[in-house]
Amino acid sequence: MPQTGTYHHGDLRAACLRAARELLEEDGSSGLSLRAVARRAGVSATAPYRHYADRDALVSAVAAEGYRELAGYLTDAHPAPSTPDELAAVAVAYVRFAVEHPALFRVMFAEPCDPANEERVAATAAISEYVRDIVRATFPGVDADALSTAVWALVHGLAFLHLDGKLDTSAPEVIAAQVSSAVLALFAASPAMTMTTAGRTTV
């Protein structure tokens, strides 16, 4: 006998993810639970457990989806950046994603996730490798791992400064100018700092 009711979705997993994203936008991560997702998706309270063992697994799936969307923002800004200006454009896209999807961004980076979740790990690794590729192309000969960490830390910090109201978010062009100038200022200052350090006399 076929099942009846609201359980049947074309894709239960996708329905749960949509419900989770809607709850995030409305209430932040505090309103995100498997029971709340089931209510929003119109399924039984136990249905989400078919795909998500617990809340951490659900959060990891939401985060992984966010990482993939973020990757799309970055590649749309420039598919293969190789100059400081192109790198700055990618940084602007990163911060724009955070400002446009604040609840999702916080789940991705401020909410504990399952570190063993393969989907989340793969999505995060793809972002990391993308940043390293940019650094290798833009600054050949440097320690790509170290500089990519520094670049990501800078841009990520700018994203949270905007989210937390520490920097002006009154208009997209204002955000773009702040982020771009910060990134370019760092790279412009690097040669000068290197020369100063090299010329410093120690006693």
C-alpha atoms as a PDB file:
ATOM      1  CA  MET A   1       0.000   0.000   0.000  1.00  0.00           C
ATOM      2  CA  PRO A   2       1.560   3.382  -0.973  1.00  0.00           C
ATOM      3  CA  GLN A   3       2.392   5.849   1.767  1.00  0.00           C
ATOM      4  CA  THR A   4       0.238   8.943   2.003  1.00  0.00           C
ATOM      5  CA  GLY A   5       0.684  12.385   3.499  1.00  0.00           C
ATOM      6  CA  THR A   6       3.295  15.026   2.971  1.00  0.00           C
ATOM      7  CA  TYR A   7       6.349  12.758   3.211  1.00  0.00           C
ATOM      8  CA  HIS A   8       6.807  12.284  -0.526  1.00  0.00           C
ATOM      9  CA  HIS A   9       9.172  14.849  -1.989  1.00  0.00           C
ATOM     10  CA  GLY A  10      11.005  14.525  -5.245  1.00  0.00           C
ATOM     11  CA  ASP A  11      14.149  14.692  -3.155  1.00  0.00           C
ATOM     12  CA  LEU A  12      13.807  14.590   0.620  1.00  0.00           C
ATOM     13  CA  ARG A  13      17.427  15.555   1.152  1.00  0.00           C
ATOM     14  CA  ALA A  14      17.068  18.668  -1.022  1.00  0.00           C
ATOM     15  CA  ALA A  15      13.770  19.534   0.671  1.00  0.00           C
ATOM     16  CA  CYS A  16      15.458  19.388   4.084  1.00  0.00           C
ATOM     17  CA  LEU A  17      18.317  21.573   2.892  1.00  0.00           C
ATOM     18  CA  ARG A  18      15.883  24.149   1.500  1.00  0.00           C
ATOM     19  CA  ALA A  19      13.992  24.147   4.772  1.00  0.00           C
ATOM     20  CA  ALA A  20      17.237  24.551   6.732  1.00  0.00           C
ATOM     21  CA  ARG A  21      18.292  27.492   4.577  1.00  0.00           C
ATOM     22  CA  GLU A  22      14.904  29.175   5.061  1.00  0.00           C
ATOM     23  CA  LEU A  23      15.112  28.726   8.824  1.00  0.00           C
ATOM     24  CA  LEU A  24      18.627  30.153   8.825  1.00  0.00           C
ATOM     25  CA  GLU A  25      17.524  33.282   7.012  1.00  0.00           C
ATOM     26  CA  GLU A  26      14.606  33.774   9.405  1.00  0.00           C
ATOM     27  CA  ASP A  27      16.026  32.838  12.799  1.00  0.00           C
ATOM     28  CA  GLY A  28      19.749  32.223  12.415  1.00  0.00           C
ATOM     29  CA  SER A  29      21.368  29.002  13.547  1.00  0.00           C
ATOM     30  CA  SER A  30      19.489  29.053  16.866  1.00  0.00           C
ATOM     31  CA  GLY A  31      16.325  28.016  15.058  1.00  0.00           C
ATOM     32  CA  LEU A  32      17.993  25.209  13.130  1.00  0.00           C
ATOM     33  CA  SER A  33      17.102  21.717  14.297  1.00  0.00           C
ATOM     34  CA  LEU A  34      16.030  18.491  12.621  1.00  0.00           C
ATOM     35  CA  ARG A  35      12.574  18.815  14.145  1.00  0.00           C
ATOM     36  CA  ALA A  36      12.178  22.379  12.883  1.00  0.00           C
ATOM     37  CA  VAL A  37      13.420  21.323   9.443  1.00  0.00           C
ATOM     38  CA  ALA A  38      10.879  18.488   9.364  1.00  0.00           C
ATOM     39  CA  ARG A  39       8.052  20.885  10.193  1.00  0.00           C
ATOM     40  CA  ARG A  40       9.176  23.371   7.550  1.00  0.00           C
ATOM     41  CA  ALA A  41       9.621  20.668   4.898  1.00  0.00           C
ATOM     42  CA  GLY A  42       6.208  19.161   5.725  1.00  0.00           C
ATOM     43  CA  VAL A  43       7.512  15.712   6.587  1.00  0.00           C
ATOM     44  CA  SER A  44       7.370  13.504   9.658  1.00  0.00           C
ATOM     45  CA  ALA A  45       9.659  14.336  12.565  1.00  0.00           C
ATOM     46  CA  THR A  46      11.801  11.280  11.842  1.00  0.00           C
ATOM     47  CA  ALA A  47      12.086  11.736   8.055  1.00  0.00           C
ATOM     48  CA  PRO A  48      15.201  13.986   8.080  1.00  0.00           C
ATOM     49  CA  TYR A  49      17.092  11.258   9.957  1.00  0.00           C
ATOM     50  CA  ARG A  50      17.056   9.237   6.755  1.00  0.00           C
ATOM     51  CA  HIS A  51      19.792  11.570   5.518  1.00  0.00           C
ATOM     52  CA  TYR A  52      21.132  13.358   8.620  1.00  0.00           C
ATOM     53  CA  ALA A  53      22.153  11.448  11.716  1.00  0.00           C
ATOM     54  CA  ASP A  54      21.991  14.557  13.901  1.00  0.00           C
ATOM     55  CA  ARG A  55      22.068  18.350  13.822  1.00  0.00           C
ATOM     56  CA  ASP A  56      25.830  18.403  13.179  1.00  0.00           C
ATOM     57  CA  ALA A  57      25.338  16.345  10.026  1.00  0.00           C
ATOM     58  CA  LEU A  58      22.624  18.737   8.843  1.00  0.00           C
ATOM     59  CA  VAL A  59      24.813  21.772   9.581  1.00  0.00           C
ATOM     60  CA  SER A  60      27.696  20.164   7.685  1.00  0.00           C
ATOM     61  CA  ALA A  61      25.464  19.610   4.662  1.00  0.00           C
ATOM     62  CA  VAL A  62      24.259  23.216   4.754  1.00  0.00           C
ATOM     63  CA  ALA A  63      27.850  24.428   5.128  1.00  0.00           C
ATOM     64  CA  ALA A  64      29.016  22.292   2.202  1.00  0.00           C
ATOM     65  CA  GLU A  65      26.288  23.793   0.031  1.00  0.00           C
ATOM     66  CA  GLY A  66      27.448  27.237   1.124  1.00  0.00           C
ATOM     67  CA  TYR A  67      31.071  26.475   0.221  1.00  0.00           C
ATOM     68  CA  ARG A  68      29.998  25.442  -3.272  1.00  0.00           C
ATOM     69  CA  GLU A  69      27.988  28.628  -3.701  1.00  0.00           C
ATOM     70  CA  LEU A  70      30.915  30.691  -2.423  1.00  0.00           C
ATOM     71  CA  ALA A  71      33.184  28.995  -4.958  1.00  0.00           C
ATOM     72  CA  GLY A  72      30.747  30.086  -7.653  1.00  0.00           C
ATOM     73  CA  TYR A  73      30.950  33.697  -6.478  1.00  0.00           C
ATOM     74  CA  LEU A  74      34.743  33.567  -6.603  1.00  0.00           C
ATOM     75  CA  THR A  75      35.034  32.032 -10.054  1.00  0.00           C
ATOM     76  CA  ASP A  76      32.400  34.432 -11.383  1.00  0.00           C
ATOM     77  CA  ALA A  77      34.557  37.312 -10.140  1.00  0.00           C
ATOM     78  CA  HIS A  78      37.505  35.892 -12.076  1.00  0.00           C
ATOM     79  CA  PRO A  79      38.030  32.267 -13.144  1.00  0.00           C
ATOM     80  CA  ALA A  80      41.836  32.427 -13.090  1.00  0.00           C
ATOM     81  CA  PRO A  81      43.131  35.581 -11.394  1.00  0.00           C
ATOM     82  CA  SER A  82      46.832  36.293 -11.865  1.00  0.00           C
ATOM     83  CA  THR A  83      47.297  39.948 -10.857  1.00  0.00           C
ATOM     84  CA  PRO A  84      46.776  41.825  -7.576  1.00  0.00           C
ATOM     85  CA  ASP A  85      43.804  43.676  -9.077  1.00  0.00           C
ATOM     86  CA  GLU A  86      42.153  40.407 -10.108  1.00  0.00           C
ATOM     87  CA  LEU A  87      42.868  38.968  -6.670  1.00  0.00           C
ATOM     88  CA  ALA A  88      41.230  42.046  -5.124  1.00  0.00           C
ATOM     89  CA  ALA A  89      38.139  41.421  -7.277  1.00  0.00           C
ATOM     90  CA  VAL A  90      37.935  37.880  -5.909  1.00  0.00           C
ATOM     91  CA  ALA A  91      38.282  39.228  -2.364  1.00  0.00           C
ATOM     92  CA  VAL A  92      35.392  41.606  -3.003  1.00  0.00           C
ATOM     93  CA  ALA A  93      33.272  38.667  -4.184  1.00  0.00           C
ATOM     94  CA  TYR A  94      34.115  36.742  -0.996  1.00  0.00           C
ATOM     95  CA  VAL A  95      32.974  39.587   1.230  1.00  0.00           C
ATOM     96  CA  ARG A  96      29.914  40.216  -0.948  1.00  0.00           C
ATOM     97  CA  PHE A  97      28.863  36.583  -0.460  1.00  0.00           C
ATOM     98  CA  ALA A  98      29.178  36.992   3.313  1.00  0.00           C
ATOM     99  CA  VAL A  99      27.144  40.207   3.347  1.00  0.00           C
ATOM    100  CA  GLU A 100      24.434  38.771   1.091  1.00  0.00           C
ATOM    101  CA  HIS A 101      24.199  35.480   3.027  1.00  0.00           C
ATOM    102  CA  PRO A 102      25.144  36.360   6.616  1.00  0.00           C
ATOM    103  CA  ALA A 103      23.395  33.453   8.371  1.00  0.00           C
ATOM    104  CA  LEU A 104      24.772  30.900   5.923  1.00  0.00           C
ATOM    105  CA  PHE A 105      28.269  32.384   6.156  1.00  0.00           C
ATOM    106  CA  ARG A 106      28.222  32.149   9.945  1.00  0.00           C
ATOM    107  CA  VAL A 107      27.102  28.521   9.766  1.00  0.00           C
ATOM    108  CA  MET A 108      29.946  27.821   7.337  1.00  0.00           C
ATOM    109  CA  PHE A 109      32.652  29.373   9.497  1.00  0.00           C
ATOM    110  CA  ALA A 110      31.386  30.026  13.030  1.00  0.00           C
ATOM    111  CA  GLU A 111      29.153  27.018  13.664  1.00  0.00           C
ATOM    112  CA  PRO A 112      30.751  23.713  14.736  1.00  0.00           C
ATOM    113  CA  CYS A 113      30.470  21.135  11.943  1.00  0.00           C
ATOM    114  CA  ASP A 114      31.363  17.479  11.684  1.00  0.00           C
ATOM    115  CA  PRO A 115      35.073  17.514  10.699  1.00  0.00           C
ATOM    116  CA  ALA A 116      34.724  14.008   9.276  1.00  0.00           C
ATOM    117  CA  ASN A 117      31.886  14.937   6.905  1.00  0.00           C
ATOM    118  CA  GLU A 118      33.306  14.075   3.476  1.00  0.00           C
ATOM    119  CA  GLU A 119      31.113  16.540   1.582  1.00  0.00           C
ATOM    120  CA  ARG A 120      32.096  19.436   3.817  1.00  0.00           C
ATOM    121  CA  VAL A 121      35.785  18.485   3.823  1.00  0.00           C
ATOM    122  CA  ALA A 122      35.857  18.262   0.016  1.00  0.00           C
ATOM    123  CA  ALA A 123      34.090  21.600  -0.423  1.00  0.00           C
ATOM    124  CA  THR A 124      36.436  23.339   2.022  1.00  0.00           C
ATOM    125  CA  ALA A 125      39.484  21.789   0.345  1.00  0.00           C
ATOM    126  CA  ALA A 126      38.302  23.091  -3.026  1.00  0.00           C
ATOM    127  CA  ILE A 127      38.179  26.657  -1.659  1.00  0.00           C
ATOM    128  CA  SER A 128      41.634  26.290  -0.105  1.00  0.00           C
ATOM    129  CA  GLU A 129      43.136  24.977  -3.333  1.00  0.00           C
ATOM    130  CA  TYR A 130      41.492  27.777  -5.308  1.00  0.00           C
ATOM    131  CA  VAL A 131      43.176  30.358  -3.057  1.00  0.00           C
ATOM    132  CA  ARG A 132      46.544  28.593  -3.352  1.00  0.00           C
ATOM    133  CA  ASP A 133      46.240  28.538  -7.143  1.00  0.00           C
ATOM    134  CA  ILE A 134      45.599  32.280  -7.137  1.00  0.00           C
ATOM    135  CA  VAL A 135      48.670  32.912  -4.994  1.00  0.00           C
ATOM    136  CA  ARG A 136      50.872  30.689  -7.197  1.00  0.00           C
ATOM    137  CA  ALA A 137      49.752  32.549 -10.324  1.00  0.00           C
ATOM    138  CA  THR A 138      49.924  36.037  -8.829  1.00  0.00           C
ATOM    139  CA  PHE A 139      53.113  35.692  -6.787  1.00  0.00           C
ATOM    140  CA  PRO A 140      55.345  33.021  -8.359  1.00  0.00           C
ATOM    141  CA  GLY A 141      58.209  31.836  -6.217  1.00  0.00           C
ATOM    142  CA  VAL A 142      56.588  32.548  -2.834  1.00  0.00           C
ATOM    143  CA  ASP A 143      55.559  30.032  -0.195  1.00  0.00           C
ATOM    144  CA  ALA A 144      52.064  29.430  -1.625  1.00  0.00           C
ATOM    145  CA  ASP A 145      50.740  27.687   1.476  1.00  0.00           C
ATOM    146  CA  ALA A 146      51.842  30.450   3.848  1.00  0.00           C
ATOM    147  CA  LEU A 147      50.733  33.338   1.643  1.00  0.00           C
ATOM    148  CA  SER A 148      47.391  31.748   0.761  1.00  0.00           C
ATOM    149  CA  THR A 149      46.691  31.359   4.482  1.00  0.00           C
ATOM    150  CA  ALA A 150      47.545  35.021   5.026  1.00  0.00           C
ATOM    151  CA  VAL A 151      45.380  36.157   2.114  1.00  0.00           C
ATOM    152  CA  TRP A 152      42.431  34.036   3.218  1.00  0.00           C
ATOM    153  CA  ALA A 153      42.798  35.289   6.797  1.00  0.00           C
ATOM    154  CA  LEU A 154      42.804  38.909   5.600  1.00  0.00           C
ATOM    155  CA  VAL A 155      39.747  38.536   3.377  1.00  0.00           C
ATOM    156  CA  HIS A 156      37.906  36.392   5.913  1.00  0.00           C
ATOM    157  CA  GLY A 157      38.580  38.980   8.594  1.00  0.00           C
ATOM    158  CA  LEU A 158      37.235  41.705   6.322  1.00  0.00           C
ATOM    159  CA  ALA A 159      34.085  39.640   5.791  1.00  0.00           C
ATOM    160  CA  PHE A 160      33.406  39.357   9.510  1.00  0.00           C
ATOM    161  CA  LEU A 161      34.259  43.008  10.144  1.00  0.00           C
ATOM    162  CA  HIS A 162      31.532  43.896   7.666  1.00  0.00           C
ATOM    163  CA  LEU A 163      29.082  41.364   9.104  1.00  0.00           C
ATOM    164  CA  ASP A 164      29.662  42.606  12.645  1.00  0.00           C
ATOM    165  CA  GLY A 165      29.108  46.237  11.708  1.00  0.00           C
ATOM    166  CA  LYS A 166      32.714  47.329  12.233  1.00  0.00           C
ATOM    167  CA  LEU A 167      33.035  48.524   8.622  1.00  0.00           C
ATOM    168  CA  ASP A 168      30.613  50.484   6.461  1.00  0.00           C
ATOM    169  CA  THR A 169      28.091  48.304   4.608  1.00  0.00           C
ATOM    170  CA  SER A 170      25.870  51.136   3.369  1.00  0.00           C
ATOM    171  CA  ALA A 171      26.333  50.297  -0.311  1.00  0.00           C
ATOM    172  CA  PRO A 172      27.945  47.540  -2.411  1.00  0.00           C
ATOM    173  CA  GLU A 173      30.394  49.991  -3.943  1.00  0.00           C
ATOM    174  CA  VAL A 174      31.513  51.111  -0.475  1.00  0.00           C
ATOM    175  CA  ILE A 175      32.207  47.506   0.534  1.00  0.00           C
ATOM    176  CA  ALA A 176      34.050  46.855  -2.726  1.00  0.00           C
ATOM    177  CA  ALA A 177      36.247  49.912  -2.246  1.00  0.00           C
ATOM    178  CA  GLN A 178      37.119  48.991   1.351  1.00  0.00           C
ATOM    179  CA  VAL A 179      38.000  45.403   0.532  1.00  0.00           C
ATOM    180  CA  SER A 180      39.900  46.152  -2.656  1.00  0.00           C
ATOM    181  CA  SER A 181      41.959  48.923  -1.065  1.00  0.00           C
ATOM    182  CA  ALA A 182      42.848  46.743   1.936  1.00  0.00           C
ATOM    183  CA  VAL A 183      44.047  43.862  -0.226  1.00  0.00           C
ATOM    184  CA  LEU A 184      46.035  46.080  -2.595  1.00  0.00           C
ATOM    185  CA  ALA A 185      47.529  48.042   0.319  1.00  0.00           C
ATOM    186  CA  LEU A 186      48.857  44.817   1.840  1.00  0.00           C
ATOM    187  CA  PHE A 187      50.650  43.792  -1.329  1.00  0.00           C
ATOM    188  CA  ALA A 188      51.894  47.312  -1.994  1.00  0.00           C
ATOM    189  CA  ALA A 189      53.363  47.469   1.503  1.00  0.00           C
ATOM    190  CA  SER A 190      55.027  44.046   1.367  1.00  0.00           C
ATOM    191  CA  PRO A 191      58.114  45.076  -0.704  1.00  0.00           C
ATOM    192  CA  ALA A 192      58.626  48.162   1.451  1.00  0.00           C
ATOM    193  CA  MET A 193      58.409  46.104   4.643  1.00  0.00           C
ATOM    194  CA  THR A 194      60.871  43.571   3.230  1.00  0.00           C
ATOM    195  CA  MET A 195      63.344  46.301   2.337  1.00  0.00           C
ATOM    196  CA  THR A 196      63.024  47.905   5.785  1.00  0.00           C
ATOM    197  CA  THR A 197      63.619  44.594   7.512  1.00  0.00           C
ATOM    198  CA  ALA A 198      66.594  43.798   5.305  1.00  0.00           C
ATOM    199  CA  GLY A 199      68.176  47.161   6.038  1.00  0.00           C
ATOM    200  CA  ARG A 200      67.609  47.062   9.782  1.00  0.00           C
ATOM    201  CA  THR A 201      70.735  46.966  11.946  1.00  0.00           C
ATOM    202  CA  THR A 202      70.767  44.660  14.942  1.00  0.00           C
ATOM    203  CA  VAL A 203      72.883  45.297  17.996  1.00  0.00           C
END
